[in-house]
């Protein structure tokens, strides 16, 4: 079975939806082949990804506001 086939059979265990602007958002799904919950280390990695994305968005918004 391929990863694509496995991922279609798994139900997400965690869904995070975060607004990016007034009319857009990002959704993150977590699932595992054995149905386990997210580990502490995986939570930490997710937090790092979200914080990095937030820093990038804030810098781009500040740059756009400065150019206007």
N, C-alpha and C. Protein backbone atom coordinates (compact mmCIF):
# COMPACT_ATOMS: atom_id res chain seq x y z
N UNK A 1 0.83 -1.17 0.00
CA UNK A 1 0.00 0.00 0.00
C UNK A 1 0.89 1.25 0.00
N UNK A 2 0.55 2.24 -0.81
CA UNK A 2 1.34 3.47 -0.86
C UNK A 2 0.91 4.42 0.24
N UNK A 3 1.72 5.46 0.47
CA UNK A 3 1.37 6.47 1.47
C UNK A 3 0.06 7.16 1.12
N UNK A 4 -0.18 7.40 -0.18
CA UNK A 4 -1.43 8.04 -0.60
C UNK A 4 -2.64 7.18 -0.25
N UNK A 5 -2.52 5.88 -0.46
CA UNK A 5 -3.62 4.98 -0.14
C UNK A 5 -3.87 4.93 1.37
N UNK A 6 -2.79 4.92 2.14
CA UNK A 6 -2.93 4.91 3.60
C UNK A 6 -3.57 6.19 4.10
N UNK A 7 -3.14 7.32 3.57
CA UNK A 7 -3.64 8.60 4.06
C UNK A 7 -5.12 8.77 3.76
N UNK A 8 -5.63 8.18 2.67
CA UNK A 8 -7.05 8.30 2.37
C UNK A 8 -7.89 7.45 3.30
N UNK A 9 -7.32 6.41 3.89
CA UNK A 9 -8.07 5.54 4.79
C UNK A 9 -8.02 6.02 6.23
N UNK A 10 -7.13 6.91 6.58
CA UNK A 10 -6.99 7.40 7.95
C UNK A 10 -7.90 8.61 8.16
N UNK A 11 -8.51 8.64 9.30
CA UNK A 11 -9.28 9.81 9.69
C UNK A 11 -8.37 10.76 10.45
N UNK A 12 -8.48 12.08 10.21
CA UNK A 12 -7.64 13.00 10.97
C UNK A 12 -7.99 12.94 12.46
N UNK A 13 -6.95 12.95 13.29
CA UNK A 13 -7.14 12.94 14.74
C UNK A 13 -7.13 14.35 15.30
N UNK A 14 -6.54 15.25 14.54
CA UNK A 14 -6.41 16.63 14.99
C UNK A 14 -6.55 17.53 13.77
N UNK A 15 -7.36 18.55 13.87
CA UNK A 15 -7.51 19.52 12.79
C UNK A 15 -7.34 20.90 13.41
N UNK A 16 -6.38 21.66 12.89
CA UNK A 16 -6.14 23.03 13.35
C UNK A 16 -6.45 23.97 12.21
N UNK A 17 -7.29 24.94 12.42
CA UNK A 17 -7.60 25.92 11.40
C UNK A 17 -7.25 27.29 11.98
N UNK A 18 -6.37 28.01 11.28
CA UNK A 18 -5.92 29.31 11.77
C UNK A 18 -6.13 30.37 10.69
N UNK A 19 -6.68 31.53 11.06
CA UNK A 19 -6.87 32.59 10.07
C UNK A 19 -5.54 33.18 9.63
N UNK A 20 -5.46 33.49 8.33
CA UNK A 20 -4.28 34.17 7.80
C UNK A 20 -4.58 35.62 7.49
N UNK A 21 -5.82 35.88 7.11
CA UNK A 21 -6.27 37.25 6.83
C UNK A 21 -7.79 37.25 7.01
N UNK A 22 -8.42 38.33 6.61
CA UNK A 22 -9.88 38.41 6.78
C UNK A 22 -10.62 37.33 6.00
N UNK A 23 -10.06 36.93 4.85
CA UNK A 23 -10.78 36.00 4.00
C UNK A 23 -10.01 34.71 3.67
N UNK A 24 -9.00 34.38 4.48
CA UNK A 24 -8.25 33.16 4.21
C UNK A 24 -7.82 32.48 5.52
N UNK A 25 -7.54 31.20 5.41
CA UNK A 25 -7.10 30.44 6.57
C UNK A 25 -6.26 29.27 6.10
N UNK A 26 -5.56 28.66 7.05
CA UNK A 26 -4.78 27.45 6.80
C UNK A 26 -5.34 26.35 7.70
N UNK A 27 -5.34 25.14 7.18
CA UNK A 27 -5.80 24.00 7.95
C UNK A 27 -4.69 22.96 8.00
N UNK A 28 -4.40 22.46 9.18
CA UNK A 28 -3.38 21.43 9.38
C UNK A 28 -4.10 20.19 9.92
N UNK A 29 -3.86 19.06 9.29
CA UNK A 29 -4.44 17.79 9.72
C UNK A 29 -3.33 16.91 10.26
N UNK A 30 -3.62 16.20 11.33
CA UNK A 30 -2.69 15.21 11.85
C UNK A 30 -3.40 13.87 11.92
N UNK A 31 -2.74 12.84 11.42
CA UNK A 31 -3.25 11.49 11.57
C UNK A 31 -2.06 10.53 11.60
N UNK A 32 -2.28 9.34 12.09
CA UNK A 32 -1.22 8.34 12.12
C UNK A 32 -1.82 6.99 11.70
N UNK A 33 -0.99 6.15 11.16
CA UNK A 33 -1.47 4.86 10.66
C UNK A 33 -2.01 3.98 11.78
N UNK A 34 -1.51 4.18 13.01
CA UNK A 34 -1.96 3.34 14.12
C UNK A 34 -2.99 4.02 15.02
N UNK A 35 -3.44 5.22 14.64
CA UNK A 35 -4.48 5.89 15.40
C UNK A 35 -4.02 6.58 16.67
N UNK A 36 -2.71 6.70 16.86
CA UNK A 36 -2.20 7.32 18.09
C UNK A 36 -2.38 8.85 18.02
N UNK A 37 -2.27 9.47 19.17
CA UNK A 37 -2.33 10.93 19.23
C UNK A 37 -0.94 11.50 18.98
N UNK A 38 -0.88 12.80 18.79
CA UNK A 38 0.38 13.47 18.50
C UNK A 38 1.29 13.44 19.73
N UNK A 39 2.56 13.14 19.50
CA UNK A 39 3.52 13.09 20.61
C UNK A 39 3.95 14.49 21.01
N UNK A 40 4.59 14.60 22.17
CA UNK A 40 5.08 15.89 22.64
C UNK A 40 6.08 16.48 21.64
N UNK A 41 6.94 15.66 21.11
CA UNK A 41 7.93 16.13 20.13
C UNK A 41 7.24 16.61 18.85
N UNK A 42 6.21 15.92 18.40
CA UNK A 42 5.47 16.35 17.21
C UNK A 42 4.75 17.67 17.47
N UNK A 43 4.20 17.84 18.68
CA UNK A 43 3.58 19.13 19.04
C UNK A 43 4.63 20.24 18.97
N UNK A 44 5.82 19.96 19.48
CA UNK A 44 6.88 20.96 19.47
C UNK A 44 7.23 21.34 18.03
N UNK A 45 7.35 20.36 17.14
CA UNK A 45 7.64 20.63 15.74
C UNK A 45 6.53 21.46 15.10
N UNK A 46 5.29 21.11 15.39
CA UNK A 46 4.16 21.87 14.85
C UNK A 46 4.21 23.32 15.33
N UNK A 47 4.52 23.51 16.61
CA UNK A 47 4.62 24.87 17.16
C UNK A 47 5.70 25.66 16.43
N UNK A 48 6.83 25.03 16.16
CA UNK A 48 7.92 25.70 15.45
C UNK A 48 7.49 26.11 14.04
N UNK A 49 6.77 25.23 13.36
CA UNK A 49 6.29 25.53 12.01
C UNK A 49 5.33 26.72 12.03
N UNK A 50 4.39 26.70 12.97
CA UNK A 50 3.41 27.78 13.08
C UNK A 50 4.10 29.10 13.41
N UNK A 51 5.03 29.10 14.35
CA UNK A 51 5.74 30.32 14.72
C UNK A 51 6.57 30.86 13.56
N UNK A 52 7.23 29.98 12.83
CA UNK A 52 8.01 30.42 11.67
C UNK A 52 7.11 31.04 10.61
N UNK A 53 5.99 30.39 10.32
CA UNK A 53 5.04 30.93 9.35
C UNK A 53 4.50 32.27 9.78
N UNK A 54 4.24 32.42 11.07
CA UNK A 54 3.73 33.68 11.60
C UNK A 54 4.76 34.79 11.43
N UNK A 55 6.02 34.51 11.71
CA UNK A 55 7.09 35.51 11.56
C UNK A 55 7.21 35.96 10.11
N UNK A 56 7.12 35.01 9.18
CA UNK A 56 7.22 35.34 7.76
C UNK A 56 6.06 36.23 7.34
N UNK A 57 4.84 35.89 7.76
CA UNK A 57 3.66 36.69 7.39
C UNK A 57 3.75 38.10 7.95
N UNK A 58 4.18 38.22 9.21
CA UNK A 58 4.28 39.53 9.85
C UNK A 58 5.31 40.39 9.12
N UNK A 59 6.47 39.81 8.75
CA UNK A 59 7.49 40.56 8.02
C UNK A 59 6.99 41.01 6.67
N UNK A 60 6.27 40.15 5.95
CA UNK A 60 5.76 40.50 4.63
C UNK A 60 4.70 41.60 4.74
N UNK A 61 3.84 41.52 5.75
CA UNK A 61 2.82 42.55 5.95
C UNK A 61 3.47 43.90 6.30
N UNK A 62 4.50 43.87 7.14
CA UNK A 62 5.19 45.10 7.49
C UNK A 62 5.87 45.71 6.27
N UNK A 63 6.48 44.87 5.45
CA UNK A 63 7.14 45.35 4.24
C UNK A 63 6.13 45.96 3.28
N UNK A 64 4.98 45.32 3.13
CA UNK A 64 3.92 45.82 2.24
C UNK A 64 3.36 47.14 2.76
N UNK A 65 3.19 47.25 4.07
CA UNK A 65 2.67 48.48 4.67
C UNK A 65 3.67 49.62 4.50
N UNK A 66 4.96 49.32 4.59
CA UNK A 66 5.99 50.33 4.42
C UNK A 66 6.09 50.82 2.98
N UNK A 67 5.78 49.97 2.03
CA UNK A 67 5.85 50.34 0.62
C UNK A 67 4.62 51.15 0.18
N UNK A 68 3.54 51.04 0.95
CA UNK A 68 2.29 51.73 0.55
C UNK A 68 2.29 53.17 0.91
